[in-house]
Amino acid sequence: MKYLIAVTTLDSSAFIATSEDDYKQLTAARNNLQEALFIEEKFDVVIEDYLEWEMDLLGATTRHMVGRNFSYISSGQERNLLNRRLANLLSACRLYVDQTQHHLSNIFGHGSEDAAKFKQYLSRQHGQCLGYRAMDGLRNYVQHRGFPIHVVWYGARWMESESRRKNRFSLTPTINVEDLEKDKRIKKPILEELKQLGMSVDLKPLIREYVASLGNVHEEVRKMLRAYAQEWEQAIQGAIDRFYKAHPEEQPNAWLAAIAQDDDETDSDPVYLRARDTIEYRQELERKNANLSSLAARYVTSEVIEPTA
């Protein structure tokens, strides 16, 4: 068996020889970088579904402010839209949790110490955050029993300001704790915690806490992977540099790959060394979906802010 680094297109026959160990290292590095990218993509699905939830909440509130339409049909349509958004978000969160564990096992090995750290991160957030516990239980409720939002409350309240009174409009999607009690899968301690908030519970702060908690988990995953990713990136870039040092006449080619070739010169599946695209895409997702730890303390308003003197 021969091991090569070569361009896999017909317009080039350039190659350099490499070792079996190098081929295996490049294969592992390429696969691990792909797994790390998959994890970032799964978290991006969570964030995009969360944004859709928040944007539709704002849209529904604005329609309430402008149209003041309280018909059964219109409110039912709004509730159904928000139920769909929240069901999508809860499913995306479960997908992230389940598949991140799978991707980490692919990288580090099933049952490895590094892969097991992910469950520790989740357990820590579960213990610290009611929003995490409540939404984790609600996701099971949505899967087996019914919609997560039972009632949507529309509110309007006159607020005093220095210059003039303002009418503040709001929308509160709630869940009825008595309905949750009918689902035996939801743990009683969680129900008791929710009862402390009332029998009709506003879902907005719990959802923000949940997404913030998953953001905290994801930051821990990033820290863990960052310690290895640089090594994987350097292995692939080193192979690319060796090839172009030997063949400076070759133009940069996306089809450069590590190849195992048997005695009949039959090639294995090539291990493409397009590391830069994968790395930059992953890093862009990291930048896009960062700084979520304080999400539960944030909110958006369209209020006209009076200038200060």
Protein backbone atom coordinates (compact mmCIF):
# COMPACT_ATOMS: atom_id res chain seq x y z
CA MET A 1 0.00 0.00 0.00
CA LYS A 2 1.29 3.44 -0.98
CA TYR A 3 0.21 6.72 0.61
CA LEU A 4 0.15 9.93 -1.40
CA ILE A 5 -0.89 13.54 -1.25
CA ALA A 6 -2.13 14.41 -4.72
CA VAL A 7 -4.52 16.49 -6.77
CA THR A 8 -7.42 14.23 -7.72
CA THR A 9 -8.37 15.94 -10.98
CA LEU A 10 -7.38 14.74 -14.47
CA ASP A 11 -5.53 17.94 -15.33
CA SER A 12 -2.77 17.25 -12.78
CA SER A 13 -0.60 14.25 -11.98
CA ALA A 14 1.41 15.94 -9.24
CA PHE A 15 1.84 14.09 -5.95
CA ILE A 16 4.17 13.56 -3.02
CA ALA A 17 4.64 10.40 -1.00
CA THR A 18 3.66 10.27 2.65
CA SER A 19 3.52 7.64 5.38
CA GLU A 20 0.72 5.44 6.64
CA ASP A 21 0.84 7.22 10.00
CA ASP A 22 0.56 10.59 8.28
CA TYR A 23 -2.39 9.35 6.21
CA LYS A 24 -4.17 8.14 9.33
CA GLN A 25 -3.45 11.41 11.13
CA LEU A 26 -4.85 13.43 8.22
CA THR A 27 -7.94 11.24 8.03
CA ALA A 28 -8.61 11.68 11.75
CA ALA A 29 -7.93 15.44 11.60
CA ARG A 30 -10.26 15.98 8.64
CA ASN A 31 -13.03 13.87 10.24
CA ASN A 32 -12.68 15.57 13.63
CA LEU A 33 -12.85 19.05 12.11
CA GLN A 34 -16.01 17.98 10.29
CA GLU A 35 -17.52 16.74 13.55
CA ALA A 36 -16.65 20.05 15.25
CA LEU A 37 -18.35 21.91 12.42
CA PHE A 38 -21.44 19.71 12.72
CA ILE A 39 -21.69 20.65 16.41
CA GLU A 40 -21.58 24.36 15.53
CA GLU A 41 -24.23 23.86 12.86
CA LYS A 42 -26.55 22.12 15.32
CA PHE A 43 -26.17 24.99 17.79
CA ASP A 44 -26.86 27.46 14.98
CA VAL A 45 -30.19 25.70 14.36
CA VAL A 46 -31.06 26.31 18.02
CA ILE A 47 -30.22 30.00 17.76
CA GLU A 48 -32.07 30.52 14.48
CA ASP A 49 -35.19 28.79 15.84
CA TYR A 50 -34.93 30.93 18.97
CA LEU A 51 -34.71 34.09 16.86
CA GLU A 52 -37.81 33.05 14.93
CA TRP A 53 -39.65 32.56 18.24
CA GLU A 54 -38.67 35.99 19.55
CA MET A 55 -39.35 37.75 16.24
CA ASP A 56 -42.84 36.27 16.00
CA LEU A 57 -43.55 37.31 19.59
CA LEU A 58 -42.65 40.87 18.63
CA GLY A 59 -44.68 40.65 15.44
CA ALA A 60 -47.77 39.40 17.28
CA THR A 61 -47.43 42.15 19.88
CA THR A 62 -47.14 44.82 17.18
CA ARG A 63 -50.23 43.50 15.37
CA HIS A 64 -52.06 43.67 18.70
CA MET A 65 -50.95 47.28 19.17
CA VAL A 66 -52.01 48.38 15.69
CA GLY A 67 -55.10 46.30 15.00
CA ARG A 68 -56.53 45.62 18.47
CA ASN A 69 -58.12 42.49 16.99
CA PHE A 70 -59.29 40.21 19.80
CA SER A 71 -61.32 37.74 17.75
CA TYR A 72 -61.19 34.06 18.62
CA ILE A 73 -59.94 33.23 15.13
CA SER A 74 -57.09 35.76 15.07
CA SER A 75 -55.90 34.93 18.57
CA GLY A 76 -56.08 31.22 17.76
CA GLN A 77 -53.92 31.78 14.69
CA GLU A 78 -51.36 33.70 16.72
CA ARG A 79 -51.28 31.00 19.40
CA ASN A 80 -50.85 28.29 16.78
CA LEU A 81 -47.95 30.17 15.16
CA LEU A 82 -46.21 30.60 18.51
CA ASN A 83 -46.81 26.94 19.38
CA ARG A 84 -45.18 25.95 16.12
CA ARG A 85 -42.19 28.18 16.75
CA LEU A 86 -41.75 26.91 20.30
CA ALA A 87 -42.16 23.26 19.28
CA ASN A 88 -39.47 23.79 16.64
CA LEU A 89 -37.17 25.41 19.18
CA LEU A 90 -37.60 22.64 21.76
CA SER A 91 -36.98 20.00 19.08
CA ALA A 92 -33.84 21.84 17.94
CA CYS A 93 -32.58 21.95 21.54
CA ARG A 94 -33.10 18.21 21.93
CA LEU A 95 -31.41 17.60 18.57
CA TYR A 96 -28.41 19.66 19.72
CA VAL A 97 -28.11 17.75 23.00
CA ASP A 98 -28.47 14.28 21.48
CA GLN A 99 -26.33 14.81 18.40
CA THR A 100 -23.56 16.77 20.11
CA GLN A 101 -23.03 13.78 22.36
CA HIS A 102 -22.85 11.62 19.24
CA HIS A 103 -20.34 13.93 17.52
CA LEU A 104 -18.11 14.09 20.60
CA SER A 105 -18.16 10.29 20.81
CA ASN A 106 -17.09 10.16 17.15
CA ILE A 107 -14.16 12.43 17.95
CA PHE A 108 -12.97 11.06 21.29
CA GLY A 109 -14.48 7.57 21.40
CA HIS A 110 -17.65 6.29 23.01
CA GLY A 111 -17.34 6.35 26.79
CA SER A 112 -14.17 8.46 26.71
CA GLU A 113 -13.46 10.99 29.43
CA ASP A 114 -13.70 13.95 27.05
CA ALA A 115 -17.01 12.78 25.56
CA ALA A 116 -18.39 12.23 29.06
CA LYS A 117 -17.70 15.86 29.99
CA PHE A 118 -20.67 16.93 27.87
CA LYS A 119 -23.10 15.17 30.21
CA GLN A 120 -21.39 16.90 33.13
CA TYR A 121 -21.94 20.29 31.47
CA LEU A 122 -25.62 19.48 30.94
CA SER A 123 -26.05 18.23 34.47
CA ARG A 124 -24.55 21.42 35.87
CA GLN A 125 -27.01 23.59 33.94
CA HIS A 126 -29.91 21.31 34.87
CA GLY A 127 -29.09 21.77 38.53
CA GLN A 128 -28.58 25.53 38.34
CA CYS A 129 -31.39 26.70 36.09
CA LEU A 130 -35.16 26.26 36.44
CA GLY A 131 -35.58 27.34 32.81
CA TYR A 132 -33.44 24.40 31.71
CA ARG A 133 -35.34 21.91 33.89
CA ALA A 134 -38.76 23.24 32.92
CA MET A 135 -38.13 23.40 29.16
CA ASP A 136 -36.49 20.00 29.14
CA GLY A 137 -39.65 18.58 30.70
CA LEU A 138 -41.89 20.64 28.43
CA ARG A 139 -40.23 19.20 25.37
CA ASN A 140 -41.38 15.72 26.45
CA TYR A 141 -44.87 17.10 27.06
CA VAL A 142 -44.95 18.54 23.53
CA GLN A 143 -43.84 15.25 22.04
CA HIS A 144 -46.38 13.09 23.86
CA ARG A 145 -49.37 15.18 24.95
CA GLY A 146 -50.01 18.59 23.47
CA PHE A 147 -49.01 22.11 22.50
CA PRO A 148 -46.70 23.97 24.90
CA ILE A 149 -48.67 27.25 24.95
CA HIS A 150 -52.12 26.99 26.51
CA VAL A 151 -53.13 30.65 26.66
CA VAL A 152 -51.78 33.88 25.17
CA TRP A 153 -52.54 37.01 27.16
CA TYR A 154 -52.65 40.37 25.40
CA GLY A 155 -52.00 43.38 27.60
CA ALA A 156 -52.06 47.16 27.36
CA ARG A 157 -51.12 49.49 30.18
CA TRP A 158 -50.71 53.24 30.43
CA MET A 159 -47.24 54.16 31.64
CA GLU A 160 -46.28 57.53 33.03
CA SER A 161 -43.24 59.39 31.68
CA GLU A 162 -41.83 62.88 32.14
CA SER A 163 -43.22 64.16 28.84
CA ARG A 164 -46.42 62.18 28.26
CA ARG A 165 -48.31 59.02 29.03
CA LYS A 166 -47.49 55.98 26.90
CA ASN A 167 -49.61 52.92 26.26
CA ARG A 168 -47.39 49.84 26.57
CA PHE A 169 -48.60 46.73 24.74
CA SER A 170 -47.46 43.25 25.68
CA LEU A 171 -48.01 39.60 24.85
CA THR A 172 -47.57 36.79 27.36
CA PRO A 173 -47.56 33.13 26.19
CA THR A 174 -48.38 30.96 29.21
CA ILE A 175 -48.60 27.34 30.21
CA ASN A 176 -51.07 25.94 32.70
CA VAL A 177 -49.33 23.95 35.42
CA GLU A 178 -52.48 21.89 36.09
CA ASP A 179 -52.33 20.63 32.50
CA LEU A 180 -48.68 19.74 32.91
CA GLU A 181 -49.55 17.67 35.99
CA LYS A 182 -51.55 15.30 33.78
CA ASP A 183 -48.33 14.19 32.13
CA LYS A 184 -46.66 11.71 34.48
CA ARG A 185 -43.36 12.10 32.61
CA ILE A 186 -42.81 15.57 34.06
CA LYS A 187 -41.08 15.27 37.40
CA LYS A 188 -42.97 16.46 40.45
CA PRO A 189 -40.12 18.65 41.80
CA ILE A 190 -40.24 20.66 38.55
CA LEU A 191 -44.01 21.05 38.84
CA GLU A 192 -43.62 22.28 42.41
CA GLU A 193 -41.05 24.83 41.30
CA LEU A 194 -43.36 26.08 38.57
CA LYS A 195 -46.24 26.36 41.04
CA GLN A 196 -44.14 28.82 42.99
CA LEU A 197 -44.46 31.08 39.95
CA GLY A 198 -48.23 30.62 39.79
CA MET A 199 -50.58 28.19 38.09
CA SER A 200 -50.29 30.13 34.81
CA VAL A 201 -46.61 30.63 34.00
CA ASP A 202 -45.08 33.09 31.52
CA LEU A 203 -42.86 31.08 29.20
CA LYS A 204 -40.67 33.92 27.94
CA PRO A 205 -38.16 34.10 30.83
CA LEU A 206 -37.95 30.31 31.09
CA ILE A 207 -37.17 29.97 27.40
CA ARG A 208 -34.48 32.64 27.56
CA GLU A 209 -32.92 30.91 30.56
CA TYR A 210 -32.99 27.59 28.68
CA VAL A 211 -31.26 28.95 25.57
CA ALA A 212 -28.73 30.80 27.75
CA SER A 213 -28.00 27.55 29.60
CA LEU A 214 -27.40 25.69 26.34
CA GLY A 215 -25.16 28.60 25.35
CA ASN A 216 -23.14 28.02 28.51
CA VAL A 217 -22.88 24.32 27.70
CA HIS A 218 -21.80 25.11 24.17
CA GLU A 219 -19.06 27.44 25.36
CA GLU A 220 -17.64 24.59 27.44
CA VAL A 221 -17.73 22.32 24.38
CA ARG A 222 -15.90 24.97 22.37
CA LYS A 223 -13.20 25.28 25.02
CA MET A 224 -12.73 21.52 25.05
CA LEU A 225 -12.50 21.27 21.26
CA ARG A 226 -10.28 24.33 20.91
CA ALA A 227 -7.48 22.49 22.68
CA TYR A 228 -7.50 19.87 19.91
CA ALA A 229 -8.69 21.80 16.85
CA GLN A 230 -5.43 23.71 16.46
CA GLU A 231 -3.53 20.43 16.27
CA TRP A 232 -5.94 19.05 13.64
CA GLU A 233 -5.76 22.24 11.60
CA GLN A 234 -1.96 22.29 11.72
CA ALA A 235 -1.74 18.66 10.56
CA ILE A 236 -3.80 19.39 7.45
CA GLN A 237 -2.12 22.71 6.71
CA GLY A 238 1.27 21.05 7.10
CA ALA A 239 0.38 18.45 4.45
CA ILE A 240 -0.84 21.19 2.09
CA ASP A 241 2.35 23.19 2.61
CA ARG A 242 4.54 20.12 1.94
CA PHE A 243 2.75 19.43 -1.32
CA TYR A 244 3.06 22.97 -2.67
CA LYS A 245 6.68 23.24 -1.55
CA ALA A 246 7.41 20.20 -3.74
CA HIS A 247 5.16 21.45 -6.57
CA PRO A 248 5.24 25.28 -6.59
CA GLU A 249 3.97 25.22 -10.18
CA GLU A 250 0.62 23.86 -9.04
CA GLN A 251 -2.21 26.31 -8.43
CA PRO A 252 -4.14 26.02 -5.12
CA ASN A 253 -6.66 23.28 -5.71
CA ALA A 254 -9.71 22.29 -3.66
CA TRP A 255 -9.28 18.69 -4.78
CA LEU A 256 -5.96 18.12 -3.05
CA ALA A 257 -6.31 14.94 -1.01
CA ALA A 258 -4.50 12.23 0.94
CA ILE A 259 -4.85 8.89 -0.82
CA ALA A 260 -4.16 5.27 0.06
CA GLN A 261 -3.27 3.29 -3.07
CA ASP A 262 -3.00 -0.50 -3.25
CA ASP A 263 -0.57 -2.50 -5.37
CA ASP A 264 -2.96 -2.37 -8.34
CA GLU A 265 -2.92 1.46 -8.07
CA THR A 266 -6.56 1.48 -7.01
CA ASP A 267 -7.24 4.50 -4.81
CA SER A 268 -9.19 4.53 -1.57
CA ASP A 269 -11.76 7.23 -0.92
CA PRO A 270 -9.70 10.43 -0.96
CA VAL A 271 -9.33 12.46 2.23
CA TYR A 272 -9.81 15.97 0.88
CA LEU A 273 -7.69 18.60 2.57
CA ARG A 274 -10.02 21.58 2.17
CA ALA A 275 -9.35 22.59 5.74
CA ARG A 276 -9.52 26.37 5.35
CA ASP A 277 -13.17 26.47 4.22
CA THR A 278 -14.26 24.21 7.08
CA ILE A 279 -12.22 26.13 9.64
CA GLU A 280 -13.46 29.56 8.54
CA TYR A 281 -17.08 28.43 8.43
CA ARG A 282 -16.84 27.00 11.94
CA GLN A 283 -15.14 30.11 13.25
CA GLU A 284 -17.80 32.34 11.70
CA LEU A 285 -20.53 30.33 13.44
CA GLU A 286 -18.60 30.69 16.70
CA ARG A 287 -18.52 34.47 16.29
CA LYS A 288 -22.17 34.64 15.26
CA ASN A 289 -23.49 32.64 18.21
CA ALA A 290 -21.41 33.92 21.10
CA ASN A 291 -22.04 35.83 24.34
CA LEU A 292 -25.36 34.23 25.30
CA SER A 293 -24.76 33.78 29.03
CA SER A 294 -26.74 36.93 29.93
CA LEU A 295 -29.58 36.25 27.49
CA ALA A 296 -32.14 35.81 30.27
CA ALA A 297 -31.48 39.38 31.42
CA ARG A 298 -32.02 40.94 27.98
CA TYR A 299 -35.13 42.15 26.22
CA VAL A 300 -36.08 44.21 23.18
CA THR A 301 -38.34 47.23 23.20
CA SER A 302 -39.70 49.55 20.53
CA GLU A 303 -40.31 52.24 23.12
CA VAL A 304 -39.44 55.78 22.14
CA ILE A 305 -36.56 56.65 24.45
CA GLU A 306 -36.60 60.26 25.59
CA PRO A 307 -33.22 61.98 25.26
CA THR A 308 -31.45 62.81 28.48
CA ALA A 309 -30.25 66.31 29.20
